[in-house]
Amino acid sequence: MEIETIKKDAKKSIVDLLNRSLQIEYNLLFNYPRAIYKLVNEDKIDDEQLIKNIEITGIESLRHFDEVDKLIGKLGGKTIWKINVLGWSTDVKEFLLQLLDEEKWVISWYEEVKKAAEQNKVKAGGLLSKLTGSADELPEDIVNVSDIISVCKRHIIDEERHIRLVRDSIEKLRMLKNK
C-alpha cells in the first residue's frame, strides 16, 4: 500500500502554521475560565447558555490543542508554548470580539495547512511498506497527508461553529447588559 506523506522541506512551514493555531487554542484554554469567572462574579451575569457557549469553545480547544500538538510531533516539530493571559480588567465582550477574529485566523491557517499538504505530498509506500510490514506500521516521521487534511477539516468545522457560538455570546451579552 502506498502512503502519501509530506516533503521534508514543507514540514517546517506546516508546523509553523499549526503552532500559530495552537497559540490561539492555548490562549482560549487559559482564558475561558477567567472570562466566565468575570461574567459571574464581577459582571453578575449568570446566564446558563452564555456560559455554556464559552465553555464549549474552550473545551473543544483542548481537544484541538491535543490533536495538533501530536501532529506537530509527528511532523518532527516542537510545540511553541506561548500564552496571552486575559487581564482582569479586560471586558468579556472585548475578549469575545478578539476571540471572534482569532477563530477566523485559525480557519485560514488550517486552510493553508490543507493546501500545503496537498501541494507537497510524496509517495511513501512501495518499498517502504514492504520494509515496515504495512502502512499501519509506518516509521514515526511518516505522516499520512490524508490524516493532516482530515484533522484540518474537522477543526475548520469546529472553528466555524465556534464563530457562531461566539457571535451568539456577544449578542446575548449585549442584550443582558442592556436590560
N, C-alpha and C. Protein backbone atom coordinates (compact mmCIF):
# COMPACT_ATOMS: atom_id res chain seq x y z
N MET A 1 0.84 -1.19 0.00
CA MET A 1 0.00 0.00 0.00
C MET A 1 0.88 1.24 0.00
N GLU A 2 0.56 2.18 -0.87
CA GLU A 2 1.31 3.43 -0.91
C GLU A 2 0.65 4.47 -0.01
N ILE A 3 1.50 5.20 0.66
CA ILE A 3 1.05 6.28 1.54
C ILE A 3 1.58 7.58 0.98
N GLU A 4 0.76 8.63 1.01
CA GLU A 4 1.23 9.96 0.62
C GLU A 4 1.59 10.71 1.89
N THR A 5 2.81 11.17 1.93
CA THR A 5 3.30 11.92 3.09
C THR A 5 3.78 13.30 2.61
N ILE A 6 4.34 14.05 3.49
CA ILE A 6 4.76 15.42 3.22
C ILE A 6 6.25 15.47 2.90
N LYS A 7 6.61 16.28 1.91
CA LYS A 7 8.02 16.51 1.62
C LYS A 7 8.68 17.10 2.85
N LYS A 8 9.90 16.70 3.07
CA LYS A 8 10.63 17.13 4.27
C LYS A 8 10.70 18.66 4.39
N ASP A 9 10.96 19.35 3.28
CA ASP A 9 11.12 20.80 3.36
C ASP A 9 9.81 21.54 3.61
N ALA A 10 8.68 20.89 3.40
CA ALA A 10 7.38 21.53 3.64
C ALA A 10 6.92 21.36 5.09
N LYS A 11 7.50 20.41 5.78
CA LYS A 11 7.07 20.14 7.16
C LYS A 11 7.21 21.37 8.05
N LYS A 12 8.31 22.11 7.89
CA LYS A 12 8.54 23.27 8.76
C LYS A 12 7.46 24.32 8.60
N SER A 13 7.08 24.63 7.37
CA SER A 13 6.04 25.66 7.17
C SER A 13 4.69 25.17 7.71
N ILE A 14 4.42 23.89 7.58
CA ILE A 14 3.17 23.34 8.13
C ILE A 14 3.20 23.41 9.65
N VAL A 15 4.32 23.06 10.24
CA VAL A 15 4.46 23.13 11.71
C VAL A 15 4.29 24.56 12.18
N ASP A 16 4.86 25.52 11.45
CA ASP A 16 4.72 26.94 11.83
C ASP A 16 3.24 27.36 11.84
N LEU A 17 2.50 26.97 10.81
CA LEU A 17 1.07 27.30 10.75
C LEU A 17 0.30 26.62 11.89
N LEU A 18 0.63 25.37 12.14
CA LEU A 18 -0.05 24.65 13.23
C LEU A 18 0.27 25.27 14.58
N ASN A 19 1.51 25.73 14.76
CA ASN A 19 1.86 26.39 16.02
C ASN A 19 1.10 27.70 16.21
N ARG A 20 0.86 28.42 15.13
CA ARG A 20 0.04 29.64 15.24
C ARG A 20 -1.35 29.29 15.77
N SER A 21 -1.94 28.24 15.20
CA SER A 21 -3.28 27.85 15.66
C SER A 21 -3.25 27.40 17.12
N LEU A 22 -2.17 26.72 17.51
CA LEU A 22 -2.06 26.26 18.90
C LEU A 22 -2.02 27.41 19.88
N GLN A 23 -1.38 28.49 19.51
CA GLN A 23 -1.30 29.63 20.42
C GLN A 23 -2.69 30.18 20.70
N ILE A 24 -3.53 30.23 19.69
CA ILE A 24 -4.92 30.68 19.88
C ILE A 24 -5.67 29.70 20.78
N GLU A 25 -5.52 28.40 20.47
CA GLU A 25 -6.20 27.37 21.26
C GLU A 25 -5.74 27.43 22.73
N TYR A 26 -4.44 27.56 22.93
CA TYR A 26 -3.89 27.58 24.28
C TYR A 26 -4.35 28.83 25.03
N ASN A 27 -4.39 29.97 24.35
CA ASN A 27 -4.89 31.19 24.98
C ASN A 27 -6.32 31.01 25.44
N LEU A 28 -7.14 30.41 24.59
CA LEU A 28 -8.53 30.20 24.95
C LEU A 28 -8.65 29.26 26.14
N LEU A 29 -7.86 28.19 26.14
CA LEU A 29 -7.89 27.25 27.26
C LEU A 29 -7.61 27.95 28.59
N PHE A 30 -6.67 28.85 28.55
CA PHE A 30 -6.28 29.55 29.76
C PHE A 30 -7.28 30.63 30.15
N ASN A 31 -7.91 31.25 29.14
CA ASN A 31 -8.71 32.43 29.39
C ASN A 31 -10.21 32.20 29.53
N TYR A 32 -10.75 31.12 28.98
CA TYR A 32 -12.20 30.98 29.07
C TYR A 32 -12.69 30.84 30.52
N PRO A 33 -11.98 30.12 31.40
CA PRO A 33 -12.47 30.08 32.79
C PRO A 33 -12.43 31.47 33.45
N ARG A 34 -11.43 32.27 33.07
CA ARG A 34 -11.33 33.62 33.63
C ARG A 34 -12.47 34.50 33.14
N ALA A 35 -12.83 34.35 31.85
CA ALA A 35 -13.95 35.12 31.31
C ALA A 35 -15.25 34.74 32.01
N ILE A 36 -15.45 33.46 32.24
CA ILE A 36 -16.66 33.01 32.93
C ILE A 36 -16.68 33.53 34.36
N TYR A 37 -15.54 33.45 35.04
CA TYR A 37 -15.44 33.97 36.40
C TYR A 37 -15.81 35.46 36.42
N LYS A 38 -15.26 36.20 35.47
CA LYS A 38 -15.53 37.64 35.41
C LYS A 38 -17.01 37.90 35.16
N LEU A 39 -17.61 37.16 34.24
CA LEU A 39 -19.04 37.32 33.95
C LEU A 39 -19.89 37.11 35.20
N VAL A 40 -19.65 35.99 35.88
CA VAL A 40 -20.49 35.60 37.01
C VAL A 40 -20.20 36.44 38.25
N ASN A 41 -18.93 36.63 38.57
CA ASN A 41 -18.58 37.26 39.84
C ASN A 41 -18.44 38.77 39.80
N GLU A 42 -18.04 39.31 38.68
CA GLU A 42 -17.86 40.76 38.60
C GLU A 42 -19.00 41.44 37.87
N ASP A 43 -19.40 40.86 36.73
CA ASP A 43 -20.48 41.47 35.95
C ASP A 43 -21.86 41.03 36.42
N LYS A 44 -21.87 40.03 37.32
CA LYS A 44 -23.12 39.49 37.88
C LYS A 44 -24.07 38.98 36.78
N ILE A 45 -23.49 38.37 35.75
CA ILE A 45 -24.26 37.77 34.67
C ILE A 45 -24.07 36.26 34.78
N ASP A 46 -25.13 35.57 35.11
CA ASP A 46 -25.06 34.12 35.30
C ASP A 46 -26.02 33.44 34.32
N ASP A 47 -25.89 33.78 33.04
CA ASP A 47 -26.75 33.22 32.01
C ASP A 47 -26.20 31.86 31.60
N GLU A 48 -27.01 30.82 31.79
CA GLU A 48 -26.58 29.45 31.54
C GLU A 48 -26.11 29.22 30.11
N GLN A 49 -26.85 29.72 29.12
CA GLN A 49 -26.49 29.49 27.72
C GLN A 49 -25.22 30.23 27.33
N LEU A 50 -25.08 31.45 27.81
CA LEU A 50 -23.88 32.24 27.53
C LEU A 50 -22.64 31.53 28.07
N ILE A 51 -22.71 31.09 29.29
CA ILE A 51 -21.58 30.39 29.92
C ILE A 51 -21.30 29.07 29.20
N LYS A 52 -22.36 28.36 28.84
CA LYS A 52 -22.19 27.08 28.13
C LYS A 52 -21.50 27.29 26.78
N ASN A 53 -21.87 28.35 26.05
CA ASN A 53 -21.23 28.63 24.76
C ASN A 53 -19.73 28.85 24.93
N ILE A 54 -19.36 29.61 25.95
CA ILE A 54 -17.94 29.89 26.19
C ILE A 54 -17.23 28.61 26.62
N GLU A 55 -17.87 27.82 27.46
CA GLU A 55 -17.28 26.55 27.91
C GLU A 55 -17.06 25.58 26.75
N ILE A 56 -18.05 25.44 25.88
CA ILE A 56 -17.93 24.53 24.74
C ILE A 56 -16.74 24.91 23.88
N THR A 57 -16.61 26.19 23.61
CA THR A 57 -15.50 26.67 22.79
C THR A 57 -14.17 26.34 23.47
N GLY A 58 -14.09 26.55 24.76
CA GLY A 58 -12.86 26.26 25.50
C GLY A 58 -12.54 24.78 25.57
N ILE A 59 -13.55 23.97 25.84
CA ILE A 59 -13.33 22.52 25.96
C ILE A 59 -12.91 21.92 24.62
N GLU A 60 -13.54 22.35 23.55
CA GLU A 60 -13.15 21.85 22.23
C GLU A 60 -11.75 22.32 21.85
N SER A 61 -11.35 23.47 22.35
CA SER A 61 -10.00 23.95 22.10
C SER A 61 -8.97 23.03 22.74
N LEU A 62 -9.32 22.41 23.85
CA LEU A 62 -8.42 21.45 24.49
C LEU A 62 -8.19 20.25 23.57
N ARG A 63 -9.25 19.75 22.95
CA ARG A 63 -9.12 18.63 22.01
C ARG A 63 -8.28 19.05 20.81
N HIS A 64 -8.55 20.25 20.28
CA HIS A 64 -7.77 20.75 19.15
C HIS A 64 -6.29 20.83 19.53
N PHE A 65 -6.04 21.39 20.71
CA PHE A 65 -4.66 21.54 21.16
C PHE A 65 -3.97 20.19 21.20
N ASP A 66 -4.62 19.20 21.77
CA ASP A 66 -4.04 17.87 21.91
C ASP A 66 -3.75 17.25 20.54
N GLU A 67 -4.71 17.31 19.63
CA GLU A 67 -4.54 16.71 18.31
C GLU A 67 -3.44 17.41 17.51
N VAL A 68 -3.42 18.73 17.54
CA VAL A 68 -2.42 19.47 16.77
C VAL A 68 -1.04 19.31 17.40
N ASP A 69 -0.96 19.27 18.71
CA ASP A 69 0.31 19.03 19.39
C ASP A 69 0.91 17.70 18.95
N LYS A 70 0.10 16.66 18.88
CA LYS A 70 0.57 15.34 18.44
C LYS A 70 0.99 15.38 16.97
N LEU A 71 0.23 16.08 16.14
CA LEU A 71 0.56 16.19 14.72
C LEU A 71 1.89 16.92 14.52
N ILE A 72 2.10 17.97 15.28
CA ILE A 72 3.38 18.70 15.20
C ILE A 72 4.54 17.77 15.54
N GLY A 73 4.36 16.96 16.59
CA GLY A 73 5.39 15.99 16.96
C GLY A 73 5.66 14.98 15.86
N LYS A 74 4.61 14.47 15.23
CA LYS A 74 4.78 13.52 14.13
C LYS A 74 5.50 14.15 12.94
N LEU A 75 5.31 15.44 12.75
CA LEU A 75 5.96 16.15 11.66
C LEU A 75 7.40 16.53 12.00
N GLY A 76 7.83 16.17 13.20
CA GLY A 76 9.20 16.45 13.62
C GLY A 76 9.40 17.83 14.22
N GLY A 77 8.31 18.52 14.49
CA GLY A 77 8.40 19.87 15.05
C GLY A 77 8.26 19.88 16.56
N LYS A 78 8.39 21.06 17.10
CA LYS A 78 8.23 21.29 18.54
C LYS A 78 7.09 22.27 18.75
N THR A 79 6.25 21.97 19.71
CA THR A 79 5.15 22.86 20.05
C THR A 79 5.69 24.10 20.75
N ILE A 80 5.22 25.25 20.30
CA ILE A 80 5.61 26.52 20.93
C ILE A 80 4.58 26.84 22.01
N TRP A 81 5.04 26.97 23.23
CA TRP A 81 4.16 27.27 24.36
C TRP A 81 4.24 28.75 24.66
N LYS A 82 3.27 29.48 24.17
CA LYS A 82 3.22 30.92 24.41
C LYS A 82 1.78 31.26 24.76
N ILE A 83 1.60 32.08 25.76
CA ILE A 83 0.25 32.38 26.22
C ILE A 83 0.07 33.87 26.45
N ASN A 84 -1.10 34.35 26.11
CA ASN A 84 -1.51 35.72 26.42
C ASN A 84 -2.66 35.63 27.40
N VAL A 85 -2.38 35.92 28.64
CA VAL A 85 -3.40 35.79 29.68
C VAL A 85 -4.33 36.99 29.66
N LEU A 86 -5.61 36.71 29.72
CA LEU A 86 -6.64 37.74 29.78
C LEU A 86 -6.46 38.55 31.06
N GLY A 87 -6.33 39.84 30.92
CA GLY A 87 -6.19 40.70 32.09
C GLY A 87 -7.51 40.80 32.83
N TRP A 88 -7.44 40.97 34.13
CA TRP A 88 -8.65 41.04 34.93
C TRP A 88 -9.50 42.24 34.57
N SER A 89 -8.86 43.27 34.01
CA SER A 89 -9.63 44.45 33.66
C SER A 89 -10.28 44.33 32.28
N THR A 90 -9.93 43.28 31.54
CA THR A 90 -10.48 43.09 30.20
C THR A 90 -11.98 42.82 30.26
N ASP A 91 -12.72 43.54 29.47
CA ASP A 91 -14.15 43.34 29.36
C ASP A 91 -14.40 42.03 28.61
N VAL A 92 -15.37 41.24 29.05
CA VAL A 92 -15.65 39.95 28.43
C VAL A 92 -16.07 40.14 26.97
N LYS A 93 -16.81 41.21 26.70
CA LYS A 93 -17.20 41.46 25.32
C LYS A 93 -15.96 41.70 24.45
N GLU A 94 -14.97 42.43 24.98
CA GLU A 94 -13.71 42.64 24.25
C GLU A 94 -13.02 41.31 23.98
N PHE A 95 -12.99 40.47 24.99
CA PHE A 95 -12.38 39.14 24.87
C PHE A 95 -13.08 38.34 23.77
N LEU A 96 -14.41 38.37 23.76
CA LEU A 96 -15.17 37.62 22.76
C LEU A 96 -14.95 38.19 21.35
N LEU A 97 -14.88 39.51 21.23
CA LEU A 97 -14.61 40.11 19.92
C LEU A 97 -13.23 39.72 19.41
N GLN A 98 -12.26 39.72 20.30
CA GLN A 98 -10.90 39.29 19.92
C GLN A 98 -10.92 37.81 19.54
N LEU A 99 -11.65 37.01 20.31
CA LEU A 99 -11.76 35.58 20.03
C LEU A 99 -12.39 35.34 18.66
N LEU A 100 -13.38 36.13 18.32
CA LEU A 100 -14.04 36.02 17.02
C LEU A 100 -13.02 36.20 15.89
N ASP A 101 -12.19 37.22 15.99
CA ASP A 101 -11.15 37.44 14.99
C ASP A 101 -10.14 36.29 14.95
N GLU A 102 -9.77 35.81 16.13
CA GLU A 102 -8.78 34.74 16.20
C GLU A 102 -9.31 33.44 15.61
N GLU A 103 -10.58 33.14 15.84
CA GLU A 103 -11.17 31.93 15.26
C GLU A 103 -11.11 31.98 13.74
N LYS A 104 -11.32 33.16 13.17
CA LYS A 104 -11.24 33.32 11.72
C LYS A 104 -9.81 33.08 11.24
N TRP A 105 -8.83 33.59 12.00
CA TRP A 105 -7.43 33.36 11.63
C TRP A 105 -7.11 31.87 11.67
N VAL A 106 -7.58 31.18 12.71
CA VAL A 106 -7.29 29.76 12.84
C VAL A 106 -7.84 28.99 11.63
N ILE A 107 -9.03 29.34 11.19
CA ILE A 107 -9.60 28.69 10.00
C ILE A 107 -8.68 28.93 8.80
N SER A 108 -8.22 30.15 8.61
CA SER A 108 -7.36 30.43 7.46
C SER A 108 -6.05 29.65 7.54
N TRP A 109 -5.51 29.48 8.75
CA TRP A 109 -4.27 28.71 8.90
C TRP A 109 -4.50 27.23 8.60
N TYR A 110 -5.64 26.69 9.06
CA TYR A 110 -5.95 25.29 8.74
C TYR A 110 -6.13 25.12 7.22
N GLU A 111 -6.73 26.10 6.57
CA GLU A 111 -6.87 26.04 5.10
C GLU A 111 -5.50 26.04 4.45
N GLU A 112 -4.58 26.86 4.95
CA GLU A 112 -3.22 26.90 4.41
C GLU A 112 -2.50 25.58 4.63
N VAL A 113 -2.70 24.96 5.78
CA VAL A 113 -2.08 23.66 6.06
C VAL A 113 -2.61 22.62 5.07
N LYS A 114 -3.93 22.60 4.86
CA LYS A 114 -4.51 21.66 3.89
C LYS A 114 -3.88 21.86 2.51
N LYS A 115 -3.78 23.11 2.08
CA LYS A 115 -3.22 23.42 0.75
C LYS A 115 -1.75 22.99 0.68
N ALA A 116 -0.98 23.31 1.71
CA ALA A 116 0.44 22.94 1.73
C ALA A 116 0.61 21.42 1.72
N ALA A 117 -0.23 20.73 2.44
CA ALA A 117 -0.16 19.26 2.47
C ALA A 117 -0.44 18.68 1.09
N GLU A 118 -1.47 19.20 0.44
CA GLU A 118 -1.82 18.72 -0.91
C GLU A 118 -0.71 19.01 -1.91
N GLN A 119 -0.13 20.19 -1.83
CA GLN A 119 0.88 20.60 -2.81
C GLN A 119 2.26 19.99 -2.57
N ASN A 120 2.48 19.44 -1.38
CA ASN A 120 3.81 18.93 -1.03
C ASN A 120 3.80 17.45 -0.65
N LYS A 121 2.89 16.71 -1.25
CA LYS A 121 2.83 15.29 -0.90
C LYS A 121 3.75 14.47 -1.80
N VAL A 122 4.27 13.42 -1.23
CA VAL A 122 5.13 12.47 -1.93
C VAL A 122 4.70 11.06 -1.53
N LYS A 123 4.96 10.12 -2.39
CA LYS A 123 4.63 8.72 -2.11
C LYS A 123 5.62 8.16 -1.11
N ALA A 124 5.11 7.43 -0.13
CA ALA A 124 5.98 6.82 0.87
C ALA A 124 5.68 5.34 1.01
N GLY A 125 5.04 4.76 0.00
CA GLY A 125 4.67 3.34 0.07
C GLY A 125 5.66 2.48 -0.67
N GLY A 126 5.16 1.46 -1.32
CA GLY A 126 6.01 0.55 -2.09
C GLY A 126 7.05 -0.12 -1.23
N LEU A 127 8.31 0.16 -1.50
CA LEU A 127 9.41 -0.46 -0.79
C LEU A 127 9.33 -0.18 0.71
N LEU A 128 8.95 1.05 1.07
CA LEU A 128 8.85 1.42 2.47
C LEU A 128 7.86 0.52 3.20
N SER A 129 6.69 0.30 2.60
CA SER A 129 5.69 -0.53 3.29
C SER A 129 6.15 -1.98 3.37
N LYS A 130 6.95 -2.44 2.39
CA LYS A 130 7.49 -3.79 2.46
C LYS A 130 8.49 -3.90 3.60
N LEU A 131 9.29 -2.85 3.78
CA LEU A 131 10.28 -2.86 4.85
C LEU A 131 9.65 -2.80 6.24
N THR A 132 8.55 -2.05 6.35
CA THR A 132 7.93 -1.88 7.67
C THR A 132 6.82 -2.89 7.92
N GLY A 133 6.38 -3.57 6.90
CA GLY A 133 5.34 -4.58 7.09
C GLY A 133 3.99 -4.14 6.59
N SER A 134 3.60 -2.92 6.89
CA SER A 134 2.31 -2.40 6.41
C SER A 134 2.26 -0.91 6.63
N ALA A 135 1.26 -0.30 6.04
CA ALA A 135 1.10 1.15 6.20
C ALA A 135 0.76 1.52 7.64
N ASP A 136 0.17 0.59 8.39
CA ASP A 136 -0.18 0.87 9.78
C ASP A 136 1.06 0.91 10.68
N GLU A 137 2.18 0.43 10.17
CA GLU A 137 3.39 0.38 10.97
C GLU A 137 4.47 1.29 10.37
N LEU A 138 4.05 2.45 9.89
CA LEU A 138 4.99 3.40 9.30
C LEU A 138 5.93 3.96 10.36
N PRO A 139 7.16 4.30 9.95
CA PRO A 139 8.05 4.98 10.91
C PRO A 139 7.41 6.27 11.41
N GLU A 140 7.82 6.72 12.58
CA GLU A 140 7.18 7.88 13.21
C GLU A 140 7.28 9.16 12.40
N ASP A 141 8.33 9.31 11.57
CA ASP A 141 8.47 10.56 10.83
C ASP A 141 7.65 10.57 9.54
N ILE A 142 6.86 9.53 9.30
CA ILE A 142 5.98 9.49 8.14
C ILE A 142 4.57 9.85 8.61
N VAL A 143 4.04 10.93 8.06
CA VAL A 143 2.69 11.37 8.40
C VAL A 143 1.86 11.31 7.13
N ASN A 144 0.74 10.64 7.20
CA ASN A 144 -0.14 10.49 6.06
C ASN A 144 -0.82 11.82 5.76
N VAL A 145 -0.74 12.28 4.51
CA VAL A 145 -1.36 13.54 4.11
C VAL A 145 -2.85 13.54 4.43
N SER A 146 -3.52 12.42 4.19
CA SER A 146 -4.96 12.38 4.45
C SER A 146 -5.27 12.58 5.93
N ASP A 147 -4.36 12.17 6.82
CA ASP A 147 -4.56 12.41 8.25
C ASP A 147 -4.47 13.90 8.57
N ILE A 148 -3.51 14.59 7.97
CA ILE A 148 -3.35 16.03 8.18
C ILE A 148 -4.59 16.76 7.69
N ILE A 149 -5.03 16.41 6.49
CA ILE A 149 -6.20 17.08 5.90
C ILE A 149 -7.45 16.78 6.71
N SER A 150 -7.58 15.56 7.19
CA SER A 150 -8.74 15.18 8.00
C SER A 150 -8.81 15.99 9.30
N VAL A 151 -7.67 16.13 9.98
CA VAL A 151 -7.62 16.92 11.22
C VAL A 151 -8.03 18.37 10.91
N CYS A 152 -7.47 18.92 9.85
CA CYS A 152 -7.78 20.31 9.49
C CYS A 152 -9.26 20.49 9.16
N LYS A 153 -9.83 19.57 8.39
CA LYS A 153 -11.25 19.68 8.03
C LYS A 153 -12.14 19.64 9.27
N ARG A 154 -11.85 18.70 10.19
CA ARG A 154 -12.64 18.61 11.44
C ARG A 154 -12.52 19.89 12.25
N HIS A 155 -11.31 20.41 12.34
CA HIS A 155 -11.09 21.61 13.13
C HIS A 155 -11.74 22.83 12.49
N ILE A 156 -11.73 22.90 11.17
CA ILE A 156 -12.39 24.01 10.49
C ILE A 156 -13.88 24.00 10.79
N ILE A 157 -14.49 22.83 10.73
CA ILE A 157 -15.92 22.71 11.06
C ILE A 157 -16.17 23.18 12.49
N ASP A 158 -15.32 22.74 13.42
CA ASP A 158 -15.45 23.16 14.82
C ASP A 158 -15.26 24.67 14.96
N GLU A 159 -14.27 25.22 14.28
CA GLU A 159 -14.00 26.66 14.38
C GLU A 159 -15.16 27.47 13.82
N GLU A 160 -15.76 26.99 12.75
CA GLU A 160 -16.94 27.68 12.20
C GLU A 160 -18.08 27.68 13.21
N ARG A 161 -18.25 26.56 13.91
CA ARG A 161 -19.26 26.50 14.97
C ARG A 161 -18.88 27.43 16.12
N HIS A 162 -17.60 27.49 16.44
CA HIS A 162 -17.14 28.40 17.50
C HIS A 162 -17.47 29.84 17.14
N ILE A 163 -17.28 30.20 15.87
CA ILE A 163 -17.61 31.56 15.44
C ILE A 163 -19.09 31.84 15.68
N ARG A 164 -19.95 30.88 15.36
CA ARG A 164 -21.39 31.08 15.62
C ARG A 164 -21.66 31.20 17.12
N LEU A 165 -21.01 30.37 17.93
CA LEU A 165 -21.19 30.43 19.38
C LEU A 165 -20.71 31.76 19.94
N VAL A 166 -19.58 32.23 19.47
CA VAL A 166 -19.03 33.49 19.96
C VAL A 166 -19.94 34.65 19.54
N ARG A 167 -20.39 34.63 18.29
CA ARG A 167 -21.32 35.69 17.84
C ARG A 167 -22.59 35.68 18.69
N ASP A 168 -23.13 34.48 18.94
CA ASP A 168 -24.32 34.37 19.80
C ASP A 168 -24.03 34.89 21.20
N SER A 169 -22.84 34.58 21.70
CA SER A 169 -22.45 35.03 23.04
C SER A 169 -22.34 36.55 23.11
N ILE A 170 -21.77 37.14 22.07
CA ILE A 170 -21.64 38.60 22.03
C ILE A 170 -23.02 39.24 22.02
N GLU A 171 -23.91 38.71 21.21
CA GLU A 171 -25.27 39.25 21.14
C GLU A 171 -26.01 39.06 22.46
N LYS A 172 -25.89 37.88 23.06
CA LYS A 172 -26.53 37.60 24.34
C LYS A 172 -26.00 38.55 25.42
N LEU A 173 -24.71 38.75 25.43
CA LEU A 173 -24.09 39.65 26.41
C LEU A 173 -24.59 41.07 26.22
N ARG A 174 -24.69 41.49 24.97
CA ARG A 174 -25.19 42.82 24.66
C ARG A 174 -26.63 42.97 25.19
N MET A 175 -27.46 41.97 24.96
CA MET A 175 -28.85 42.02 25.43
C MET A 175 -28.93 42.06 26.95
N LEU A 176 -28.12 41.23 27.61
CA LEU A 176 -28.15 41.16 29.08
C LEU A 176 -27.64 42.45 29.71
N LYS A 177 -26.67 43.08 29.10
CA LYS A 177 -26.14 44.33 29.65
C LYS A 177 -27.07 45.50 29.41
N ASN A 178 -27.94 45.41 28.41
CA ASN A 178 -28.88 46.48 28.10
C ASN A 178 -30.20 46.37 28.86
N LYS A 179 -30.32 45.33 29.66
CA LYS A 179 -31.56 45.15 30.45
C LYS A 179 -31.71 46.22 31.49
